[in-house]
Protein backbone atom coordinates (compact mmCIF):
# COMPACT_ATOMS: atom_id res chain seq x y z
CA MET A 1 170.34 71.34 78.31
CA GLN A 2 171.38 74.62 79.89
CA ALA A 3 171.22 74.23 83.66
CA GLY A 4 171.60 77.94 84.37
CA ASN A 5 168.91 79.15 81.96
CA ALA A 6 165.17 79.17 82.45
CA VAL A 7 164.46 77.02 79.41
CA ILE A 8 165.50 73.39 79.19
CA THR A 9 166.55 72.12 75.79
CA GLY A 10 164.26 69.42 74.55
CA ALA A 11 161.82 68.48 71.84
CA TRP A 12 159.23 70.69 70.23
CA ALA A 13 156.11 68.82 69.40
CA ARG A 14 153.06 69.36 67.27
CA GLY A 15 150.81 66.45 68.01
CA ARG A 16 153.05 63.39 68.21
CA GLU A 17 155.66 64.66 65.73
CA THR A 18 158.81 65.96 67.48
CA ARG A 19 161.99 67.67 66.42
CA SER A 20 165.00 68.96 68.34
CA HIS A 21 165.37 72.64 69.01
CA ARG A 22 168.04 74.49 71.03
CA ASN A 23 165.75 77.25 72.34
CA GLY A 24 163.53 75.15 74.56
CA ALA A 25 160.98 72.41 74.88
CA ARG A 26 157.56 73.31 73.59
CA ALA A 27 154.50 71.31 72.75
CA ILE A 28 151.58 72.69 70.76
CA PHE A 29 148.27 70.90 71.23
CA SER A 30 144.83 71.99 70.11
CA GLY A 31 145.94 75.60 69.86
CA MET A 32 147.48 75.54 73.35
CA GLU A 33 151.22 76.04 73.37
CA THR A 34 152.98 74.54 76.38
CA ARG A 35 156.62 74.86 77.32
CA ILE A 36 158.79 73.14 79.90
CA VAL A 37 161.06 75.37 81.96
CA LYS A 38 163.24 75.05 85.04
CA MET A 39 161.28 75.88 88.18
CA ARG A 40 161.79 79.43 89.45
CA PRO A 41 160.62 81.16 92.65
CA ARG A 42 157.52 82.48 90.84
CA HIS A 43 156.37 78.86 90.32
CA LEU A 44 156.61 77.82 93.98
CA PRO A 45 153.04 78.55 95.19
CA ASP A 46 151.38 76.86 92.19
CA ALA A 47 153.81 73.92 92.23
CA SER A 48 153.43 73.20 95.94
CA ARG A 49 149.63 73.49 95.74
CA PHE A 50 149.58 71.13 92.71
CA ILE A 51 151.86 68.58 94.42
CA ALA A 52 149.63 68.66 97.52
CA GLU A 53 146.21 68.66 95.89
CA VAL A 54 146.69 66.76 92.62
CA LEU A 55 149.61 64.48 93.41
CA GLY A 56 148.38 63.86 96.96
CA GLU A 57 151.48 64.85 98.94
CA ARG A 58 149.83 67.27 101.37
CA ARG A 59 152.14 66.56 104.28
CA ASN A 60 155.40 66.21 102.41
CA VAL A 61 155.93 69.21 100.13
CA THR A 62 155.45 72.87 101.01
CA THR A 63 156.46 76.06 99.25
CA SER A 64 159.43 76.34 101.62
CA ASP A 65 160.45 72.74 100.80
CA LEU A 66 160.50 73.58 97.10
CA LYS A 67 162.45 76.78 97.81
CA GLU A 68 165.08 74.67 99.57
CA TYR A 69 165.30 72.44 96.50
CA LEU A 70 165.88 75.54 94.37
CA ASP A 71 168.87 76.37 96.58
CA TRP A 72 170.51 73.01 95.84
CA ASP A 73 173.26 72.78 93.22
CA ASP A 74 172.20 72.22 89.61
CA ASP A 75 173.79 68.75 89.66
CA GLU A 76 171.74 67.64 92.71
CA VAL A 77 168.16 68.34 91.66
CA LEU A 78 166.22 69.19 88.52
CA LEU A 79 162.79 70.76 88.97
CA LEU A 80 160.68 71.33 85.87
CA VAL A 81 157.43 73.19 85.31
CA ALA A 82 155.08 72.95 82.35
CA GLU A 83 153.33 76.22 81.61
CA THR A 84 151.11 77.57 78.89
CA ALA A 85 152.19 80.42 76.62
CA ASP A 86 150.56 82.95 78.94
CA GLY A 87 152.53 81.59 81.93
CA THR A 88 149.70 79.57 83.47
CA PHE A 89 151.02 76.67 85.56
CA ALA A 90 150.28 73.31 83.89
CA GLY A 91 152.41 70.70 85.66
CA VAL A 92 155.53 69.81 87.59
CA ALA A 93 158.32 67.24 87.60
CA GLY A 94 161.34 66.74 89.79
CA VAL A 95 164.26 64.36 90.12
CA VAL A 96 167.02 64.16 92.75
CA TYR A 97 170.47 62.83 91.84
CA GLU A 98 172.26 60.62 94.36
CA SER A 99 175.99 60.73 93.55
CA TRP A 100 176.87 58.08 96.16
CA ASN A 101 175.20 55.39 94.03
CA ASP A 102 174.88 57.16 90.65
CA THR A 103 171.08 57.07 90.57
CA GLY A 104 168.22 59.48 90.15
CA MET A 105 164.95 59.33 92.07
CA ILE A 106 161.91 60.89 90.47
CA GLU A 107 160.06 62.80 93.16
CA TRP A 108 156.99 63.82 91.13
CA ILE A 109 155.65 64.20 87.67
CA GLY A 110 152.17 65.40 86.89
CA LEU A 111 150.14 67.59 84.55
CA VAL A 112 146.80 69.31 84.74
CA GLU A 113 144.12 66.97 83.47
CA GLY A 114 143.52 68.75 80.14
CA LEU A 115 147.14 68.25 79.05
CA ARG A 116 147.56 64.59 79.96
CA GLY A 117 148.06 62.07 77.18
CA ARG A 118 149.72 64.59 74.86
CA SER A 119 153.41 63.67 75.27
CA ILE A 120 154.22 66.59 77.59
CA GLY A 121 154.73 64.26 80.56
CA THR A 122 156.91 62.02 78.40
CA SER A 123 158.98 65.06 77.41
CA MET A 124 159.41 65.99 81.07
CA LEU A 125 160.37 62.41 81.92
CA ASN A 126 162.90 62.28 79.08
CA GLN A 127 164.48 65.53 80.26
CA MET A 128 164.85 64.09 83.77
CA ILE A 129 166.39 60.90 82.36
CA ASP A 130 168.83 62.89 80.17
CA TRP A 131 169.79 65.14 83.10
CA THR A 132 170.40 62.12 85.36
CA ARG A 133 172.54 60.46 82.66
CA GLU A 134 174.51 63.69 82.08
CA ASN A 135 175.29 63.81 85.81
CA GLY A 136 176.71 60.27 85.66
CA GLY A 137 173.57 58.37 86.59
CA ARG A 138 173.33 54.71 85.68
CA LYS A 139 169.75 54.13 86.79
CA ILE A 140 166.64 56.15 87.53
CA TYR A 141 163.92 55.14 90.00
CA VAL A 142 160.33 56.10 90.73
CA ASP A 143 157.73 54.89 93.19
CA THR A 144 153.99 54.97 92.61
CA GLY A 145 150.97 53.48 94.33
CA VAL A 146 150.32 49.80 93.64
CA ASP A 147 146.83 50.72 92.43
CA SER A 148 148.01 53.55 90.15
CA GLU A 149 147.42 51.66 86.90
CA LYS A 150 147.83 54.72 84.63
CA ALA A 151 151.13 55.73 86.27
CA ILE A 152 152.48 52.17 86.14
CA ALA A 153 151.49 51.92 82.45
CA PHE A 154 153.11 55.32 81.72
CA TYR A 155 156.43 54.30 83.26
CA SER A 156 156.29 50.84 81.65
CA ARG A 157 155.74 52.42 78.19
CA ASN A 158 158.81 54.53 78.88
CA GLY A 159 161.15 51.61 79.62
CA PHE A 160 160.73 51.25 83.39
CA SER A 161 160.29 47.86 85.01
CA ARG A 162 159.03 46.80 88.42
CA GLU A 163 161.72 46.13 91.00
CA ALA A 164 159.82 45.72 94.26
CA VAL A 165 156.64 46.33 96.19
CA LEU A 166 157.26 48.59 99.18
CA LYS A 167 154.80 47.68 101.92
CA ASP A 168 153.36 50.51 104.04
CA TRP A 169 155.46 53.01 102.04
CA TYR A 170 153.14 56.02 102.13
CA HIS A 171 152.09 57.99 105.21
CA ASP A 172 148.54 56.65 104.86
CA GLY A 173 149.82 53.05 104.99
CA GLY A 174 149.55 52.49 101.24
CA ASP A 175 151.92 50.23 99.35
CA ALA A 176 154.11 51.40 96.47
CA VAL A 177 155.64 49.83 93.39
CA LEU A 178 159.31 50.73 92.94
CA MET A 179 160.17 50.93 89.24
CA SER A 180 163.49 51.62 87.55
CA ARG A 181 165.14 52.12 84.20
CA ARG A 182 168.81 51.56 83.44
CA ILE A 183 170.16 54.58 81.57
CA ARG A 184 173.81 53.53 81.26
CA GLU A 185 175.95 50.59 82.32
CA ALA A 186 177.59 50.65 85.74
CA ALA A 187 181.29 51.47 85.89
CA THR A 188 183.50 48.43 86.36
CA ALA A 189 186.22 48.34 88.98
């Protein structure tokens, strides 16, 4: 992974077959090539609109919020964008690293509907897990709605387990499931 470059190192995929490649993460599906890159200022309007409209966080994330994230140090936040070969926005993912307790918290992960179920989201998730581990993280967390069966199944398939139900967690009064995955053992004193 090259934190300063636009392209994140990851897996190239054709269908479900993957192989490592140092020049970036790309997935080719049904003739549509998709790559995962670090978020840049040009992505901000599409990313904030997607987070608001598709991921349902209308009140919480604006273009200026994302711009502030971009100003954070590379070891504090990782923001990823999936885009097609022609640069069309296709999805977003973000994780914040908390050095005080050596954990990462996934803020969002989502793809446009036509690209779901094709391992792109898993690739984005794996890049966030690797980045958190490389920063010293021992555990990574995510919250999702208690009724979000597809999201819960996605995280479960990727090694996450339920830790708690957070009552009245969302601004609309909805409950959340807090899930986590250990990514390295805690340091001993």
